[in-house]
Amino acid sequence: MAQVIDGEAIAADIRREVTAEVAALSSAHSIVPGLAVVTVGSWKDSRTYADMKCNACADVGIRSLLVDLPEDTSEAALVAEVHRLNADPAVHGIFVQLPLPKHINDQKILNEIRVEKDVEGFHPLNIGKLAMKGREPLFIPCIAKACVELLSRGGVSVRGKIAAVVGRSNIVGLPVSLLLLKADATVSIMHSRTPDPRSIVRQADIVIAAAGQPMMIKGDWIKPGAAVIDVGTDSVDDDPAEPVGDVDFAEVSKVAGFLTPVPGGAGPMMVAMLLKNTVDAAKPGTCKDDAK
């Protein structure tokens, strides 16, 4: 049976580390890290996720600011709000909860966040540097960072390994594949046009499942002993209140060497990485000339 990589426990360790960093920053520089969480519209899950992030901030001593805007907020008004937060010295990080209403261009809004406050890591400068050899972004996207941290703290080495990323979204698949490549893995990316993805995934030492398809990855997809990180959080008709992952846990746990559960794997780690990025954004010297 696979060794379960406990994202809840690892995230708790990281939160303790962040709490110590916040205290040290306050003591040495009288700085309290601040995170602005922006929501637009009445989608229930957006507010739930936003409240979760604000509660996590409170737990570690980060000051949070919830900006809750109505559904009919115009794109121009949201840009103006982001600019206001950019100019606020008490706000070190800005997180815009996606998805936004259809009349607002997500990418335009993310591009308006100052790169040194882009704690999600999705600004083109941060993604561009993540893709370039010899360059380092100010911030790595939280979920990509979470995947690699789960591997590292779970005892799985990335260097020299063959990795398969199932999914190519801008939120997960693309950034995690770039981060694995930067860590000296050999990376393949599966998507809807990939012929016979199972045969490719089965060769991999590391599998990142981020396709958004419930229990897509079966036991016969996995190389014996491989490490599998399940980023999926999917609802199923049988019990929509109980999410499942992109991995068939029961099958894959009999083949893999390491495996994350859903829930309790990548989810809590993503929040922990957001907290870590926010503290790093508040540290003196984070704002570099070439990042402006």
C-alpha atoms as a PDB file:
ATOM      1  CA  MET A   1       0.000   0.000   0.000  1.00  0.00           C
ATOM      2  CA  ALA A   2       1.119   3.537  -0.790  1.00  0.00           C
ATOM      3  CA  GLN A   3       2.461   5.788   1.914  1.00  0.00           C
ATOM      4  CA  VAL A   4      -0.105   8.576   2.333  1.00  0.00           C
ATOM      5  CA  ILE A   5       1.419  12.071   2.209  1.00  0.00           C
ATOM      6  CA  ASP A   6      -0.617  13.947   4.806  1.00  0.00           C
ATOM      7  CA  GLY A   7      -1.181  17.458   3.473  1.00  0.00           C
ATOM      8  CA  GLU A   8      -3.004  18.535   6.623  1.00  0.00           C
ATOM      9  CA  ALA A   9      -0.041  17.645   8.835  1.00  0.00           C
ATOM     10  CA  ILE A  10       2.546  19.200   6.518  1.00  0.00           C
ATOM     11  CA  ALA A  11       0.432  22.358   6.172  1.00  0.00           C
ATOM     12  CA  ALA A  12       0.226  22.578   9.982  1.00  0.00           C
ATOM     13  CA  ASP A  13       4.029  22.449  10.153  1.00  0.00           C
ATOM     14  CA  ILE A  14       4.310  25.233   7.577  1.00  0.00           C
ATOM     15  CA  ARG A  15       1.777  27.368   9.427  1.00  0.00           C
ATOM     16  CA  ARG A  16       3.852  27.044  12.586  1.00  0.00           C
ATOM     17  CA  GLU A  17       6.906  28.155  10.605  1.00  0.00           C
ATOM     18  CA  VAL A  18       4.972  31.101   9.152  1.00  0.00           C
ATOM     19  CA  THR A  19       3.747  32.096  12.633  1.00  0.00           C
ATOM     20  CA  ALA A  20       7.373  32.277  13.799  1.00  0.00           C
ATOM     21  CA  GLU A  21       8.354  34.317  10.730  1.00  0.00           C
ATOM     22  CA  VAL A  22       5.490  36.764  11.319  1.00  0.00           C
ATOM     23  CA  ALA A  23       6.568  37.236  14.940  1.00  0.00           C
ATOM     24  CA  ALA A  24      10.204  37.777  13.914  1.00  0.00           C
ATOM     25  CA  LEU A  25       9.201  40.291  11.228  1.00  0.00           C
ATOM     26  CA  SER A  26       7.091  42.223  13.712  1.00  0.00           C
ATOM     27  CA  SER A  27       9.851  42.216  16.329  1.00  0.00           C
ATOM     28  CA  ALA A  28      12.723  43.154  14.024  1.00  0.00           C
ATOM     29  CA  HIS A  29      10.992  45.564  11.636  1.00  0.00           C
ATOM     30  CA  SER A  30       7.577  46.411  13.187  1.00  0.00           C
ATOM     31  CA  ILE A  31       5.924  44.964  10.081  1.00  0.00           C
ATOM     32  CA  VAL A  32       2.693  42.985  10.189  1.00  0.00           C
ATOM     33  CA  PRO A  33       2.133  41.186   6.856  1.00  0.00           C
ATOM     34  CA  GLY A  34      -1.159  42.086   5.204  1.00  0.00           C
ATOM     35  CA  LEU A  35      -3.190  40.106   2.648  1.00  0.00           C
ATOM     36  CA  ALA A  36      -6.151  41.529   0.717  1.00  0.00           C
ATOM     37  CA  VAL A  37      -8.646  38.906  -0.474  1.00  0.00           C
ATOM     38  CA  VAL A  38     -10.946  40.178  -3.231  1.00  0.00           C
ATOM     39  CA  THR A  39     -14.234  38.516  -4.184  1.00  0.00           C
ATOM     40  CA  VAL A  40     -16.746  39.617  -6.812  1.00  0.00           C
ATOM     41  CA  GLY A  41     -20.305  38.310  -6.944  1.00  0.00           C
ATOM     42  CA  SER A  42     -22.511  36.056  -4.885  1.00  0.00           C
ATOM     43  CA  TRP A  43     -21.081  32.630  -5.761  1.00  0.00           C
ATOM     44  CA  LYS A  44     -21.241  30.839  -2.410  1.00  0.00           C
ATOM     45  CA  ASP A  45     -17.986  28.904  -2.825  1.00  0.00           C
ATOM     46  CA  SER A  46     -16.000  32.094  -3.521  1.00  0.00           C
ATOM     47  CA  ARG A  47     -17.019  33.599  -0.206  1.00  0.00           C
ATOM     48  CA  THR A  48     -16.389  30.298   1.587  1.00  0.00           C
ATOM     49  CA  TYR A  49     -12.862  30.073   0.151  1.00  0.00           C
ATOM     50  CA  ALA A  50     -12.219  33.753   0.921  1.00  0.00           C
ATOM     51  CA  ASP A  51     -13.320  33.343   4.540  1.00  0.00           C
ATOM     52  CA  MET A  52     -11.101  30.265   4.834  1.00  0.00           C
ATOM     53  CA  LYS A  53      -8.068  32.278   3.699  1.00  0.00           C
ATOM     54  CA  CYS A  54      -8.876  35.126   6.098  1.00  0.00           C
ATOM     55  CA  ASN A  55      -9.245  32.672   8.996  1.00  0.00           C
ATOM     56  CA  ALA A  56      -5.922  31.082   8.073  1.00  0.00           C
ATOM     57  CA  CYS A  57      -4.303  34.520   8.140  1.00  0.00           C
ATOM     58  CA  ALA A  58      -5.666  35.176  11.619  1.00  0.00           C
ATOM     59  CA  ASP A  59      -4.262  31.869  12.844  1.00  0.00           C
ATOM     60  CA  VAL A  60      -0.683  32.850  11.940  1.00  0.00           C
ATOM     61  CA  GLY A  61      -0.809  36.575  12.749  1.00  0.00           C
ATOM     62  CA  ILE A  62      -1.229  37.951   9.224  1.00  0.00           C
ATOM     63  CA  ARG A  63      -3.618  40.890   8.896  1.00  0.00           C
ATOM     64  CA  SER A  64      -6.322  40.137   6.316  1.00  0.00           C
ATOM     65  CA  LEU A  65      -8.621  42.491   4.460  1.00  0.00           C
ATOM     66  CA  LEU A  66     -11.714  41.061   2.732  1.00  0.00           C
ATOM     67  CA  VAL A  67     -12.909  43.152  -0.208  1.00  0.00           C
ATOM     68  CA  ASP A  68     -16.346  41.780  -1.106  1.00  0.00           C
ATOM     69  CA  LEU A  69     -17.743  43.403  -4.272  1.00  0.00           C
ATOM     70  CA  PRO A  70     -21.186  42.923  -5.852  1.00  0.00           C
ATOM     71  CA  GLU A  71     -21.836  40.838  -8.970  1.00  0.00           C
ATOM     72  CA  ASP A  72     -22.432  43.902 -11.166  1.00  0.00           C
ATOM     73  CA  THR A  73     -19.050  45.467 -10.378  1.00  0.00           C
ATOM     74  CA  SER A  74     -17.576  46.657 -13.673  1.00  0.00           C
ATOM     75  CA  GLU A  75     -14.161  45.597 -14.895  1.00  0.00           C
ATOM     76  CA  ALA A  76     -12.987  49.203 -14.628  1.00  0.00           C
ATOM     77  CA  ALA A  77     -14.193  49.426 -11.021  1.00  0.00           C
ATOM     78  CA  LEU A  78     -12.380  46.219 -10.114  1.00  0.00           C
ATOM     79  CA  VAL A  79      -9.188  47.496 -11.753  1.00  0.00           C
ATOM     80  CA  ALA A  80      -9.527  50.679  -9.686  1.00  0.00           C
ATOM     81  CA  GLU A  81      -9.900  48.592  -6.521  1.00  0.00           C
ATOM     82  CA  VAL A  82      -6.770  46.590  -7.362  1.00  0.00           C
ATOM     83  CA  HIS A  83      -4.890  49.849  -7.952  1.00  0.00           C
ATOM     84  CA  ARG A  84      -6.046  51.101  -4.538  1.00  0.00           C
ATOM     85  CA  LEU A  85      -4.704  47.969  -2.902  1.00  0.00           C
ATOM     86  CA  ASN A  86      -1.468  48.249  -4.904  1.00  0.00           C
ATOM     87  CA  ALA A  87      -0.945  51.685  -3.349  1.00  0.00           C
ATOM     88  CA  ASP A  88      -1.767  50.631   0.228  1.00  0.00           C
ATOM     89  CA  PRO A  89       1.510  50.056   2.133  1.00  0.00           C
ATOM     90  CA  ALA A  90      -0.283  47.884   4.710  1.00  0.00           C
ATOM     91  CA  VAL A  91      -1.247  45.407   1.971  1.00  0.00           C
ATOM     92  CA  HIS A  92       1.694  43.190   1.013  1.00  0.00           C
ATOM     93  CA  GLY A  93      -0.225  40.596  -0.988  1.00  0.00           C
ATOM     94  CA  ILE A  94      -3.359  40.624  -3.141  1.00  0.00           C
ATOM     95  CA  PHE A  95      -5.439  37.518  -3.836  1.00  0.00           C
ATOM     96  CA  VAL A  96      -8.329  37.769  -6.311  1.00  0.00           C
ATOM     97  CA  GLN A  97     -10.725  34.847  -5.892  1.00  0.00           C
ATOM     98  CA  LEU A  98     -11.482  33.180  -9.220  1.00  0.00           C
ATOM     99  CA  PRO A  99     -13.633  32.675 -11.177  1.00  0.00           C
ATOM    100  CA  LEU A 100     -14.778  36.256 -11.701  1.00  0.00           C
ATOM    101  CA  PRO A 101     -18.142  37.098 -13.315  1.00  0.00           C
ATOM    102  CA  LYS A 102     -18.197  36.523 -17.069  1.00  0.00           C
ATOM    103  CA  HIS A 103     -18.121  40.223 -17.929  1.00  0.00           C
ATOM    104  CA  ILE A 104     -14.691  40.593 -16.290  1.00  0.00           C
ATOM    105  CA  ASN A 105     -11.479  39.344 -17.915  1.00  0.00           C
ATOM    106  CA  ASP A 106      -9.635  37.321 -15.261  1.00  0.00           C
ATOM    107  CA  GLN A 107      -6.219  37.775 -16.852  1.00  0.00           C
ATOM    108  CA  LYS A 108      -6.594  41.546 -17.181  1.00  0.00           C
ATOM    109  CA  ILE A 109      -7.298  41.824 -13.462  1.00  0.00           C
ATOM    110  CA  LEU A 110      -4.388  39.573 -12.467  1.00  0.00           C
ATOM    111  CA  ASN A 111      -2.081  41.601 -14.719  1.00  0.00           C
ATOM    112  CA  GLU A 112      -3.013  44.777 -12.836  1.00  0.00           C
ATOM    113  CA  ILE A 113      -1.654  43.446  -9.520  1.00  0.00           C
ATOM    114  CA  ARG A 114       1.815  44.812  -8.803  1.00  0.00           C
ATOM    115  CA  VAL A 115       4.289  41.989  -9.278  1.00  0.00           C
ATOM    116  CA  GLU A 116       5.713  42.396  -5.770  1.00  0.00           C
ATOM    117  CA  LYS A 117       2.195  41.889  -4.349  1.00  0.00           C
ATOM    118  CA  ASP A 118       1.360  38.973  -6.659  1.00  0.00           C
ATOM    119  CA  VAL A 119       1.332  36.317  -3.935  1.00  0.00           C
ATOM    120  CA  GLU A 120      -0.664  33.990  -6.219  1.00  0.00           C
ATOM    121  CA  GLY A 121       2.284  34.011  -8.639  1.00  0.00           C
ATOM    122  CA  PHE A 122       0.175  34.476 -11.784  1.00  0.00           C
ATOM    123  CA  HIS A 123       1.533  37.824 -13.002  1.00  0.00           C
ATOM    124  CA  PRO A 124       3.158  37.392 -16.464  1.00  0.00           C
ATOM    125  CA  LEU A 125       6.541  38.451 -15.039  1.00  0.00           C
ATOM    126  CA  ASN A 126       6.402  35.756 -12.368  1.00  0.00           C
ATOM    127  CA  ILE A 127       5.205  33.049 -14.758  1.00  0.00           C
ATOM    128  CA  GLY A 128       7.743  34.188 -17.366  1.00  0.00           C
ATOM    129  CA  LYS A 129      10.650  33.936 -14.926  1.00  0.00           C
ATOM    130  CA  LEU A 130       9.405  30.542 -13.757  1.00  0.00           C
ATOM    131  CA  ALA A 131       9.684  29.409 -17.381  1.00  0.00           C
ATOM    132  CA  MET A 132      13.196  30.779 -17.920  1.00  0.00           C
ATOM    133  CA  LYS A 133      16.387  28.967 -17.077  1.00  0.00           C
ATOM    134  CA  GLY A 134      18.540  30.942 -14.673  1.00  0.00           C
ATOM    135  CA  ARG A 135      15.748  33.296 -13.603  1.00  0.00           C
ATOM    136  CA  GLU A 136      13.689  33.130 -10.422  1.00  0.00           C
ATOM    137  CA  PRO A 137      10.169  34.556  -9.968  1.00  0.00           C
ATOM    138  CA  LEU A 138       9.368  36.633  -6.916  1.00  0.00           C
ATOM    139  CA  PHE A 139       6.481  34.249  -6.214  1.00  0.00           C
ATOM    140  CA  ILE A 140       5.702  30.729  -7.394  1.00  0.00           C
ATOM    141  CA  PRO A 141       1.997  29.899  -7.912  1.00  0.00           C
ATOM    142  CA  CYS A 142       0.671  28.491  -4.653  1.00  0.00           C
ATOM    143  CA  ILE A 143      -0.683  25.175  -5.909  1.00  0.00           C
ATOM    144  CA  ALA A 144       2.456  24.407  -7.925  1.00  0.00           C
ATOM    145  CA  LYS A 145       4.580  25.240  -4.900  1.00  0.00           C
ATOM    146  CA  ALA A 146       2.292  23.050  -2.781  1.00  0.00           C
ATOM    147  CA  CYS A 147       2.781  20.027  -5.070  1.00  0.00           C
ATOM    148  CA  VAL A 148       6.558  20.215  -4.966  1.00  0.00           C
ATOM    149  CA  GLU A 149       6.569  20.877  -1.210  1.00  0.00           C
ATOM    150  CA  LEU A 150       4.380  17.802  -0.659  1.00  0.00           C
ATOM    151  CA  LEU A 151       6.901  15.731  -2.586  1.00  0.00           C
ATOM    152  CA  SER A 152       9.882  17.200  -0.737  1.00  0.00           C
ATOM    153  CA  ARG A 153       8.447  16.870   2.760  1.00  0.00           C
ATOM    154  CA  GLY A 154       6.986  13.495   1.876  1.00  0.00           C
ATOM    155  CA  GLY A 155      10.499  12.215   1.168  1.00  0.00           C
ATOM    156  CA  VAL A 156      10.289  12.145  -2.640  1.00  0.00           C
ATOM    157  CA  SER A 157      13.226  13.528  -4.633  1.00  0.00           C
ATOM    158  CA  VAL A 158      12.380  15.303  -7.900  1.00  0.00           C
ATOM    159  CA  ARG A 159      15.808  15.699  -9.494  1.00  0.00           C
ATOM    160  CA  GLY A 160      16.406  13.268 -12.344  1.00  0.00           C
ATOM    161  CA  LYS A 161      12.903  11.781 -12.135  1.00  0.00           C
ATOM    162  CA  ILE A 162      10.369  11.359 -14.945  1.00  0.00           C
ATOM    163  CA  ALA A 163       7.223  13.365 -14.174  1.00  0.00           C
ATOM    164  CA  ALA A 164       3.796  13.338 -15.824  1.00  0.00           C
ATOM    165  CA  VAL A 165       1.391  16.242 -15.334  1.00  0.00           C
ATOM    166  CA  VAL A 166      -2.195  15.430 -16.260  1.00  0.00           C
ATOM    167  CA  GLY A 167      -3.821  18.757 -17.219  1.00  0.00           C
ATOM    168  CA  ARG A 168      -2.419  21.944 -18.749  1.00  0.00           C
ATOM    169  CA  SER A 169      -4.427  24.740 -17.101  1.00  0.00           C
ATOM    170  CA  ASN A 170      -2.815  28.091 -16.354  1.00  0.00           C
ATOM    171  CA  ILE A 171      -3.721  27.607 -12.691  1.00  0.00           C
ATOM    172  CA  VAL A 172      -2.170  24.173 -12.051  1.00  0.00           C
ATOM    173  CA  GLY A 173      -0.851  22.122 -14.961  1.00  0.00           C
ATOM    174  CA  LEU A 174       1.339  24.726 -16.640  1.00  0.00           C
ATOM    175  CA  PRO A 175       3.002  26.215 -13.524  1.00  0.00           C
ATOM    176  CA  VAL A 176       3.586  22.858 -11.821  1.00  0.00           C
ATOM    177  CA  SER A 177       5.188  21.465 -14.987  1.00  0.00           C
ATOM    178  CA  LEU A 178       7.506  24.496 -15.153  1.00  0.00           C
ATOM    179  CA  LEU A 179       8.422  24.132 -11.483  1.00  0.00           C
ATOM    180  CA  LEU A 180       9.182  20.427 -11.870  1.00  0.00           C
ATOM    181  CA  LEU A 181      11.329  21.205 -14.901  1.00  0.00           C
ATOM    182  CA  LYS A 182      13.177  23.833 -12.874  1.00  0.00           C
ATOM    183  CA  ALA A 183      13.794  21.159 -10.229  1.00  0.00           C
ATOM    184  CA  ASP A 184      15.512  18.972 -12.880  1.00  0.00           C
ATOM    185  CA  ALA A 185      12.696  16.532 -13.598  1.00  0.00           C
ATOM    186  CA  THR A 186      11.914  15.352 -17.131  1.00  0.00           C
ATOM    187  CA  VAL A 187       8.323  16.439 -17.682  1.00  0.00           C
ATOM    188  CA  SER A 188       5.467  15.317 -19.940  1.00  0.00           C
ATOM    189  CA  ILE A 189       2.111  17.113 -19.981  1.00  0.00           C
ATOM    190  CA  MET A 190      -1.121  15.264 -20.768  1.00  0.00           C
ATOM    191  CA  HIS A 191      -4.173  17.074 -22.136  1.00  0.00           C
ATOM    192  CA  SER A 192      -7.391  16.399 -24.042  1.00  0.00           C
ATOM    193  CA  ARG A 193      -5.533  15.904 -27.329  1.00  0.00           C
ATOM    194  CA  THR A 194      -2.894  13.521 -25.961  1.00  0.00           C
ATOM    195  CA  PRO A 195      -3.196  10.078 -27.573  1.00  0.00           C
ATOM    196  CA  ASP A 196      -3.098   7.221 -25.052  1.00  0.00           C
ATOM    197  CA  PRO A 197      -2.181   9.291 -21.962  1.00  0.00           C
ATOM    198  CA  ARG A 198      -2.232   6.155 -19.782  1.00  0.00           C
ATOM    199  CA  SER A 199       0.836   4.707 -21.508  1.00  0.00           C
ATOM    200  CA  ILE A 200       2.778   7.938 -20.929  1.00  0.00           C
ATOM    201  CA  VAL A 201       1.693   8.374 -17.305  1.00  0.00           C
ATOM    202  CA  ARG A 202       2.635   4.753 -16.547  1.00  0.00           C
ATOM    203  CA  GLN A 203       6.288   5.541 -17.297  1.00  0.00           C
ATOM    204  CA  ALA A 204       6.436   8.349 -14.722  1.00  0.00           C
ATOM    205  CA  ASP A 205       8.082   8.299 -11.315  1.00  0.00           C
ATOM    206  CA  ILE A 206       5.992  11.321 -10.294  1.00  0.00           C
ATOM    207  CA  VAL A 207       2.390  11.989 -11.347  1.00  0.00           C
ATOM    208  CA  ILE A 208       0.529  15.270 -10.788  1.00  0.00           C
ATOM    209  CA  ALA A 209      -3.195  14.777 -11.442  1.00  0.00           C
ATOM    210  CA  ALA A 210      -4.888  18.087 -12.308  1.00  0.00           C
ATOM    211  CA  ALA A 211      -7.383  17.308 -15.061  1.00  0.00           C
ATOM    212  CA  GLY A 212     -10.631  18.049 -13.227  1.00  0.00           C
ATOM    213  CA  GLN A 213     -12.028  14.599 -14.057  1.00  0.00           C
ATOM    214  CA  PRO A 214     -13.295  12.555 -11.091  1.00  0.00           C
ATOM    215  CA  MET A 215     -11.215   9.416 -10.489  1.00  0.00           C
ATOM    216  CA  MET A 216      -9.746   9.529 -13.997  1.00  0.00           C
ATOM    217  CA  ILE A 217      -6.391   8.050 -12.934  1.00  0.00           C
ATOM    218  CA  LYS A 218      -6.781   4.328 -12.298  1.00  0.00           C
ATOM    219  CA  GLY A 219      -4.393   1.813 -10.831  1.00  0.00           C
ATOM    220  CA  ASP A 220      -3.235   0.565 -14.235  1.00  0.00           C
ATOM    221  CA  TRP A 221      -2.070   4.095 -15.112  1.00  0.00           C
ATOM    222  CA  ILE A 222       0.560   4.083 -12.374  1.00  0.00           C
ATOM    223  CA  LYS A 223       4.106   2.755 -12.371  1.00  0.00           C
ATOM    224  CA  PRO A 224       4.634   0.624  -9.247  1.00  0.00           C
ATOM    225  CA  GLY A 225       6.181   2.760  -6.517  1.00  0.00           C
ATOM    226  CA  ALA A 226       5.449   6.115  -8.193  1.00  0.00           C
ATOM    227  CA  ALA A 227       4.580   9.248  -6.211  1.00  0.00           C
ATOM    228  CA  VAL A 228       1.112  10.611  -7.037  1.00  0.00           C
ATOM    229  CA  ILE A 229      -0.101  14.090  -6.082  1.00  0.00           C
ATOM    230  CA  ASP A 230      -3.852  14.521  -6.582  1.00  0.00           C
ATOM    231  CA  VAL A 231      -4.854  18.154  -7.119  1.00  0.00           C
ATOM    232  CA  GLY A 232      -8.430  17.380  -8.183  1.00  0.00           C
ATOM    233  CA  THR A 233     -11.415  18.392  -6.079  1.00  0.00           C
ATOM    234  CA  ASP A 234     -14.399  17.054  -7.957  1.00  0.00           C
ATOM    235  CA  SER A 235     -18.039  16.591  -7.064  1.00  0.00           C
ATOM    236  CA  VAL A 236     -19.867  13.391  -7.958  1.00  0.00           C
ATOM    237  CA  ASP A 237     -23.591  12.821  -8.306  1.00  0.00           C
ATOM    238  CA  ASP A 238     -23.664  10.110  -5.628  1.00  0.00           C
ATOM    239  CA  ASP A 239     -22.570  12.564  -2.920  1.00  0.00           C
ATOM    240  CA  PRO A 240     -21.884  16.129  -4.146  1.00  0.00           C
ATOM    241  CA  ALA A 241     -21.018  17.222  -0.606  1.00  0.00           C
ATOM    242  CA  GLU A 242     -18.069  14.797  -0.430  1.00  0.00           C
ATOM    243  CA  PRO A 243     -15.393  15.713  -3.011  1.00  0.00           C
ATOM    244  CA  VAL A 244     -13.210  13.163  -4.730  1.00  0.00           C
ATOM    245  CA  GLY A 245      -9.960  13.641  -6.580  1.00  0.00           C
ATOM    246  CA  ASP A 246      -8.775  12.998 -10.108  1.00  0.00           C
ATOM    247  CA  VAL A 247      -7.226   9.772  -8.780  1.00  0.00           C
ATOM    248  CA  ASP A 248      -9.093   6.589  -7.914  1.00  0.00           C
ATOM    249  CA  PHE A 249      -7.597   6.420  -4.430  1.00  0.00           C
ATOM    250  CA  ALA A 250      -8.661   2.841  -3.693  1.00  0.00           C
ATOM    251  CA  GLU A 251      -7.022   1.478  -6.848  1.00  0.00           C
ATOM    252  CA  VAL A 252      -3.942   3.701  -6.994  1.00  0.00           C
ATOM    253  CA  SER A 253      -3.067   3.211  -3.324  1.00  0.00           C
ATOM    254  CA  LYS A 254      -2.388  -0.461  -4.114  1.00  0.00           C
ATOM    255  CA  VAL A 255       0.234   0.434  -6.749  1.00  0.00           C
ATOM    256  CA  ALA A 256       1.811   3.802  -5.912  1.00  0.00           C
ATOM    257  CA  GLY A 257       4.620   4.313  -3.440  1.00  0.00           C
ATOM    258  CA  PHE A 258       3.327   7.691  -2.248  1.00  0.00           C
ATOM    259  CA  LEU A 259      -0.138   9.237  -2.602  1.00  0.00           C
ATOM    260  CA  THR A 260      -2.018  12.322  -1.405  1.00  0.00           C
ATOM    261  CA  PRO A 261      -5.660  12.027  -0.292  1.00  0.00           C
ATOM    262  CA  VAL A 262      -8.655  14.175  -1.240  1.00  0.00           C
ATOM    263  CA  PRO A 263      -9.533  15.991   0.873  1.00  0.00           C
ATOM    264  CA  GLY A 264      -6.483  16.549   3.073  1.00  0.00           C
ATOM    265  CA  GLY A 265      -3.731  16.684   0.462  1.00  0.00           C
ATOM    266  CA  ALA A 266      -3.047  19.572  -1.888  1.00  0.00           C
ATOM    267  CA  GLY A 267      -5.908  21.787  -0.634  1.00  0.00           C
ATOM    268  CA  PRO A 268      -4.570  22.753   2.804  1.00  0.00           C
ATOM    269  CA  MET A 269      -1.082  23.038   1.333  1.00  0.00           C
ATOM    270  CA  MET A 270      -2.239  25.623  -1.202  1.00  0.00           C
ATOM    271  CA  VAL A 271      -3.461  27.866   1.630  1.00  0.00           C
ATOM    272  CA  ALA A 272      -0.210  27.320   3.551  1.00  0.00           C
ATOM    273  CA  MET A 273       1.804  28.396   0.488  1.00  0.00           C
ATOM    274  CA  LEU A 274      -0.344  31.537   0.154  1.00  0.00           C
ATOM    275  CA  LEU A 275       0.501  32.422   3.751  1.00  0.00           C
ATOM    276  CA  LYS A 276       4.190  31.765   3.100  1.00  0.00           C
ATOM    277  CA  ASN A 277       4.185  33.940  -0.038  1.00  0.00           C
ATOM    278  CA  THR A 278       2.448  36.760   1.873  1.00  0.00           C
ATOM    279  CA  VAL A 279       5.090  36.756   4.603  1.00  0.00           C
ATOM    280  CA  ASP A 280       7.841  36.756   1.978  1.00  0.00           C
ATOM    281  CA  ALA A 281       6.150  39.725   0.253  1.00  0.00           C
ATOM    282  CA  ALA A 282       6.279  41.688   3.524  1.00  0.00           C
ATOM    283  CA  LYS A 283       9.979  41.116   4.127  1.00  0.00           C
ATOM    284  CA  PRO A 284      12.237  44.106   3.461  1.00  0.00           C
ATOM    285  CA  GLY A 285      14.012  43.728   0.103  1.00  0.00           C
ATOM    286  CA  THR A 286      11.311  41.700  -1.640  1.00  0.00           C
ATOM    287  CA  CYS A 287      10.550  44.585  -3.997  1.00  0.00           C
ATOM    288  CA  LYS A 288      13.445  44.440  -6.469  1.00  0.00           C
ATOM    289  CA  ASP A 289      14.149  46.912  -9.220  1.00  0.00           C
ATOM    290  CA  ASP A 290      13.851  44.331 -11.993  1.00  0.00           C
ATOM    291  CA  ALA A 291      10.435  43.228 -10.679  1.00  0.00           C
ATOM    292  CA  LYS A 292       8.765  46.636 -10.997  1.00  0.00           C
END
